[in-house]
Amino acid sequence: MDFYLTLTLLTQAHFTVKASIEQIQYDVDRKLDKELLLKLAVGDYILNGQNTILKGV
């Protein structure tokens, strides 16, 4: 995706919290799969038309 398009979409989304993939804390008790999250951050699943479900506790 084009950088400027991404920037525009993020600005238009009006997110209340500014965060990035680099800021995620991978503490053991959070049980996060760093490799999987980094893979999802690339966004190939979107280009491939794959669905993704994120479940939080």
PDB file of N, CA and C in Angstrom:
ATOM      1  N   MET A   1       0.851  -1.170   0.000  1.00  0.00           N
ATOM      2  CA  MET A   1       0.000   0.000   0.000  1.00  0.00           C
ATOM      3  C   MET A   1       0.897   1.234   0.000  1.00  0.00           C
ATOM      4  N   ASP A   2       0.497   2.231  -0.704  1.00  0.00           N
ATOM      5  CA  ASP A   2       1.240   3.471  -0.804  1.00  0.00           C
ATOM      6  C   ASP A   2       1.320   4.157   0.563  1.00  0.00           C
ATOM      7  N   PHE A   3       2.491   4.681   0.894  1.00  0.00           N
ATOM      8  CA  PHE A   3       2.708   5.333   2.189  1.00  0.00           C
ATOM      9  C   PHE A   3       1.723   6.466   2.429  1.00  0.00           C
ATOM     10  N   TYR A   4       1.519   7.301   1.433  1.00  0.00           N
ATOM     11  CA  TYR A   4       0.639   8.460   1.601  1.00  0.00           C
ATOM     12  C   TYR A   4      -0.823   8.059   1.725  1.00  0.00           C
ATOM     13  N   LEU A   5      -1.208   7.013   1.038  1.00  0.00           N
ATOM     14  CA  LEU A   5      -2.563   6.501   1.187  1.00  0.00           C
ATOM     15  C   LEU A   5      -2.756   5.962   2.599  1.00  0.00           C
ATOM     16  N   THR A   6      -1.777   5.221   3.089  1.00  0.00           N
ATOM     17  CA  THR A   6      -1.847   4.694   4.449  1.00  0.00           C
ATOM     18  C   THR A   6      -1.946   5.829   5.460  1.00  0.00           C
ATOM     19  N   LEU A   7      -1.125   6.839   5.298  1.00  0.00           N
ATOM     20  CA  LEU A   7      -1.140   7.988   6.197  1.00  0.00           C
ATOM     21  C   LEU A   7      -2.494   8.685   6.166  1.00  0.00           C
ATOM     22  N   THR A   8      -3.054   8.842   4.983  1.00  0.00           N
ATOM     23  CA  THR A   8      -4.370   9.477   4.834  1.00  0.00           C
ATOM     24  C   THR A   8      -5.446   8.660   5.538  1.00  0.00           C
ATOM     25  N   LEU A   9      -5.438   7.358   5.321  1.00  0.00           N
ATOM     26  CA  LEU A   9      -6.448   6.496   5.941  1.00  0.00           C
ATOM     27  C   LEU A   9      -6.323   6.498   7.464  1.00  0.00           C
ATOM     28  N   LEU A  10      -5.104   6.481   7.969  1.00  0.00           N
ATOM     29  CA  LEU A  10      -4.913   6.528   9.416  1.00  0.00           C
ATOM     30  C   LEU A  10      -5.391   7.846  10.003  1.00  0.00           C
ATOM     31  N   THR A  11      -5.174   8.929   9.284  1.00  0.00           N
ATOM     32  CA  THR A  11      -5.633  10.237   9.739  1.00  0.00           C
ATOM     33  C   THR A  11      -7.157  10.306   9.735  1.00  0.00           C
ATOM     34  N   GLN A  12      -7.775   9.796   8.707  1.00  0.00           N
ATOM     35  CA  GLN A  12      -9.230   9.819   8.585  1.00  0.00           C
ATOM     36  C   GLN A  12      -9.915   8.899   9.596  1.00  0.00           C
ATOM     37  N   ALA A  13      -9.198   7.918  10.106  1.00  0.00           N
ATOM     38  CA  ALA A  13      -9.786   6.965  11.047  1.00  0.00           C
ATOM     39  C   ALA A  13     -10.031   7.589  12.417  1.00  0.00           C
ATOM     40  N   HIS A  14      -9.337   8.666  12.743  1.00  0.00           N
ATOM     41  CA  HIS A  14      -9.490   9.366  14.029  1.00  0.00           C
ATOM     42  C   HIS A  14      -9.305   8.429  15.225  1.00  0.00           C
ATOM     43  N   PHE A  15      -8.252   7.626  15.192  1.00  0.00           N
ATOM     44  CA  PHE A  15      -7.955   6.759  16.324  1.00  0.00           C
ATOM     45  C   PHE A  15      -7.642   7.618  17.544  1.00  0.00           C
ATOM     46  N   THR A  16      -8.133   7.200  18.705  1.00  0.00           N
ATOM     47  CA  THR A  16      -7.899   7.972  19.931  1.00  0.00           C
ATOM     48  C   THR A  16      -6.534   7.672  20.538  1.00  0.00           C
ATOM     49  N   VAL A  17      -5.989   6.518  20.230  1.00  0.00           N
ATOM     50  CA  VAL A  17      -4.678   6.133  20.749  1.00  0.00           C
ATOM     51  C   VAL A  17      -3.729   5.917  19.580  1.00  0.00           C
ATOM     52  N   LYS A  18      -2.583   6.566  19.635  1.00  0.00           N
ATOM     53  CA  LYS A  18      -1.566   6.378  18.602  1.00  0.00           C
ATOM     54  C   LYS A  18      -0.629   5.263  19.063  1.00  0.00           C
ATOM     55  N   ALA A  19      -0.524   4.218  18.291  1.00  0.00           N
ATOM     56  CA  ALA A  19       0.324   3.087  18.660  1.00  0.00           C
ATOM     57  C   ALA A  19       0.905   2.478  17.394  1.00  0.00           C
ATOM     58  N   SER A  20       1.925   1.672  17.585  1.00  0.00           N
ATOM     59  CA  SER A  20       2.537   0.997  16.451  1.00  0.00           C
ATOM     60  C   SER A  20       2.917  -0.421  16.846  1.00  0.00           C
ATOM     61  N   ILE A  21       3.189  -1.230  15.855  1.00  0.00           N
ATOM     62  CA  ILE A  21       3.541  -2.634  16.090  1.00  0.00           C
ATOM     63  C   ILE A  21       4.810  -2.732  16.935  1.00  0.00           C
ATOM     64  N   GLU A  22       5.690  -1.759  16.805  1.00  0.00           N
ATOM     65  CA  GLU A  22       6.943  -1.768  17.567  1.00  0.00           C
ATOM     66  C   GLU A  22       6.723  -1.520  19.058  1.00  0.00           C
ATOM     67  N   GLN A  23       5.585  -0.960  19.421  1.00  0.00           N
ATOM     68  CA  GLN A  23       5.306  -0.632  20.818  1.00  0.00           C
ATOM     69  C   GLN A  23       4.657  -1.776  21.600  1.00  0.00           C
ATOM     70  N   ILE A  24       4.333  -2.853  20.937  1.00  0.00           N
ATOM     71  CA  ILE A  24       3.685  -3.973  21.624  1.00  0.00           C
ATOM     72  C   ILE A  24       4.645  -4.578  22.637  1.00  0.00           C
ATOM     73  N   GLN A  25       4.134  -4.814  23.831  1.00  0.00           N
ATOM     74  CA  GLN A  25       4.930  -5.443  24.879  1.00  0.00           C
ATOM     75  C   GLN A  25       4.614  -6.942  24.885  1.00  0.00           C
ATOM     76  N   TYR A  26       5.611  -7.726  24.577  1.00  0.00           N
ATOM     77  CA  TYR A  26       5.435  -9.168  24.455  1.00  0.00           C
ATOM     78  C   TYR A  26       5.778  -9.871  25.760  1.00  0.00           C
ATOM     79  N   ASP A  27       5.204  -9.413  26.859  1.00  0.00           N
ATOM     80  CA  ASP A  27       5.423 -10.051  28.155  1.00  0.00           C
ATOM     81  C   ASP A  27       4.861 -11.474  28.129  1.00  0.00           C
ATOM     82  N   VAL A  28       5.491 -12.364  28.856  1.00  0.00           N
ATOM     83  CA  VAL A  28       5.095 -13.775  28.860  1.00  0.00           C
ATOM     84  C   VAL A  28       3.632 -13.944  29.260  1.00  0.00           C
ATOM     85  N   ASP A  29       3.177 -13.195  30.249  1.00  0.00           N
ATOM     86  CA  ASP A  29       1.797 -13.349  30.720  1.00  0.00           C
ATOM     87  C   ASP A  29       0.753 -12.892  29.704  1.00  0.00           C
ATOM     88  N   ARG A  30       1.164 -12.147  28.683  1.00  0.00           N
ATOM     89  CA  ARG A  30       0.229 -11.709  27.639  1.00  0.00           C
ATOM     90  C   ARG A  30       0.018 -12.782  26.575  1.00  0.00           C
ATOM     91  N   LYS A  31       0.908 -13.753  26.533  1.00  0.00           N
ATOM     92  CA  LYS A  31       0.803 -14.897  25.616  1.00  0.00           C
ATOM     93  C   LYS A  31       0.611 -14.469  24.163  1.00  0.00           C
ATOM     94  N   LEU A  32       1.398 -13.487  23.732  1.00  0.00           N
ATOM     95  CA  LEU A  32       1.332 -13.008  22.356  1.00  0.00           C
ATOM     96  C   LEU A  32       2.394 -13.696  21.516  1.00  0.00           C
ATOM     97  N   ASP A  33       2.014 -14.046  20.312  1.00  0.00           N
ATOM     98  CA  ASP A  33       2.943 -14.670  19.368  1.00  0.00           C
ATOM     99  C   ASP A  33       3.551 -13.557  18.514  1.00  0.00           C
ATOM    100  N   LYS A  34       4.779 -13.173  18.855  1.00  0.00           N
ATOM    101  CA  LYS A  34       5.425 -12.046  18.173  1.00  0.00           C
ATOM    102  C   LYS A  34       5.561 -12.299  16.681  1.00  0.00           C
ATOM    103  N   GLU A  35       5.968 -13.495  16.307  1.00  0.00           N
ATOM    104  CA  GLU A  35       6.143 -13.829  14.896  1.00  0.00           C
ATOM    105  C   GLU A  35       4.831 -13.686  14.130  1.00  0.00           C
ATOM    106  N   LEU A  36       3.735 -14.156  14.719  1.00  0.00           N
ATOM    107  CA  LEU A  36       2.431 -14.065  14.076  1.00  0.00           C
ATOM    108  C   LEU A  36       1.980 -12.606  13.941  1.00  0.00           C
ATOM    109  N   LEU A  37       2.162 -11.814  14.992  1.00  0.00           N
ATOM    110  CA  LEU A  37       1.749 -10.417  14.929  1.00  0.00           C
ATOM    111  C   LEU A  37       2.547  -9.633  13.892  1.00  0.00           C
ATOM    112  N   LEU A  38       3.836  -9.922  13.804  1.00  0.00           N
ATOM    113  CA  LEU A  38       4.649  -9.242  12.784  1.00  0.00           C
ATOM    114  C   LEU A  38       4.219  -9.660  11.379  1.00  0.00           C
ATOM    115  N   LYS A  39       3.850 -10.923  11.231  1.00  0.00           N
ATOM    116  CA  LYS A  39       3.367 -11.412   9.934  1.00  0.00           C
ATOM    117  C   LYS A  39       2.038 -10.732   9.564  1.00  0.00           C
ATOM    118  N   LEU A  40       1.145 -10.594  10.546  1.00  0.00           N
ATOM    119  CA  LEU A  40      -0.132  -9.920  10.301  1.00  0.00           C
ATOM    120  C   LEU A  40       0.073  -8.444   9.967  1.00  0.00           C
ATOM    121  N   ALA A  41       1.089  -7.827  10.577  1.00  0.00           N
ATOM    122  CA  ALA A  41       1.355  -6.407  10.349  1.00  0.00           C
ATOM    123  C   ALA A  41       1.725  -6.116   8.895  1.00  0.00           C
ATOM    124  N   VAL A  42       2.287  -7.095   8.215  1.00  0.00           N
ATOM    125  CA  VAL A  42       2.653  -6.913   6.809  1.00  0.00           C
ATOM    126  C   VAL A  42       1.400  -6.753   5.952  1.00  0.00           C
ATOM    127  N   GLY A  43       0.327  -7.455   6.303  1.00  0.00           N
ATOM    128  CA  GLY A  43      -0.942  -7.303   5.608  1.00  0.00           C
ATOM    129  C   GLY A  43      -1.149  -8.201   4.408  1.00  0.00           C
ATOM    130  N   ASP A  44      -0.298  -9.201   4.220  1.00  0.00           N
ATOM    131  CA  ASP A  44      -0.462 -10.100   3.070  1.00  0.00           C
ATOM    132  C   ASP A  44      -1.810 -10.815   3.085  1.00  0.00           C
ATOM    133  N   TYR A  45      -2.346 -11.061   4.274  1.00  0.00           N
ATOM    134  CA  TYR A  45      -3.640 -11.748   4.360  1.00  0.00           C
ATOM    135  C   TYR A  45      -4.743 -10.914   3.706  1.00  0.00           C
ATOM    136  N   ILE A  46      -4.603  -9.620   3.717  1.00  0.00           N
ATOM    137  CA  ILE A  46      -5.593  -8.745   3.072  1.00  0.00           C
ATOM    138  C   ILE A  46      -5.489  -8.885   1.554  1.00  0.00           C
ATOM    139  N   LEU A  47      -4.269  -8.797   1.047  1.00  0.00           N
ATOM    140  CA  LEU A  47      -4.056  -8.917  -0.396  1.00  0.00           C
ATOM    141  C   LEU A  47      -4.476 -10.289  -0.921  1.00  0.00           C
ATOM    142  N   ASN A  48      -4.357 -11.325  -0.067  1.00  0.00           N
ATOM    143  CA  ASN A  48      -4.727 -12.684  -0.455  1.00  0.00           C
ATOM    144  C   ASN A  48      -6.205 -12.984  -0.237  1.00  0.00           C
ATOM    145  N   GLY A  49      -6.957 -12.004   0.269  1.00  0.00           N
ATOM    146  CA  GLY A  49      -8.394 -12.197   0.482  1.00  0.00           C
ATOM    147  C   GLY A  49      -8.718 -13.137   1.626  1.00  0.00           C
ATOM    148  N   GLN A  50      -7.816 -13.255   2.591  1.00  0.00           N
ATOM    149  CA  GLN A  50      -8.045 -14.134   3.736  1.00  0.00           C
ATOM    150  C   GLN A  50      -8.708 -13.349   4.864  1.00  0.00           C
ATOM    151  N   ASN A  51      -9.603 -14.009   5.575  1.00  0.00           N
ATOM    152  CA  ASN A  51     -10.264 -13.408   6.724  1.00  0.00           C
ATOM    153  C   ASN A  51      -9.411 -13.595   7.976  1.00  0.00           C
ATOM    154  N   THR A  52      -9.546 -12.678   8.913  1.00  0.00           N
ATOM    155  CA  THR A  52      -8.811 -12.756  10.157  1.00  0.00           C
ATOM    156  C   THR A  52      -9.746 -12.385  11.294  1.00  0.00           C
ATOM    157  N   ILE A  53      -9.704 -13.149  12.365  1.00  0.00           N
ATOM    158  CA  ILE A  53     -10.480 -12.855  13.560  1.00  0.00           C
ATOM    159  C   ILE A  53      -9.493 -12.609  14.702  1.00  0.00           C
ATOM    160  N   LEU A  54      -9.620 -11.448  15.338  1.00  0.00           N
ATOM    161  CA  LEU A  54      -8.791 -11.123  16.494  1.00  0.00           C
ATOM    162  C   LEU A  54      -9.692 -11.166  17.723  1.00  0.00           C
ATOM    163  N   LYS A  55      -9.265 -11.924  18.700  1.00  0.00           N
ATOM    164  CA  LYS A  55     -10.067 -12.106  19.907  1.00  0.00           C
ATOM    165  C   LYS A  55      -9.277 -11.582  21.093  1.00  0.00           C
ATOM    166  N   GLY A  56      -9.880 -10.700  21.864  1.00  0.00           N
ATOM    167  CA  GLY A  56      -9.219 -10.161  23.047  1.00  0.00           C
ATOM    168  C   GLY A  56      -9.922 -10.643  24.310  1.00  0.00           C
ATOM    169  N   VAL A  57      -9.177 -10.617  25.369  1.00  0.00           N
ATOM    170  CA  VAL A  57      -9.743 -11.063  26.644  1.00  0.00           C
ATOM    171  C   VAL A  57      -9.803  -9.876  27.577  1.00  0.00           C
TER     172      VAL A  57
END
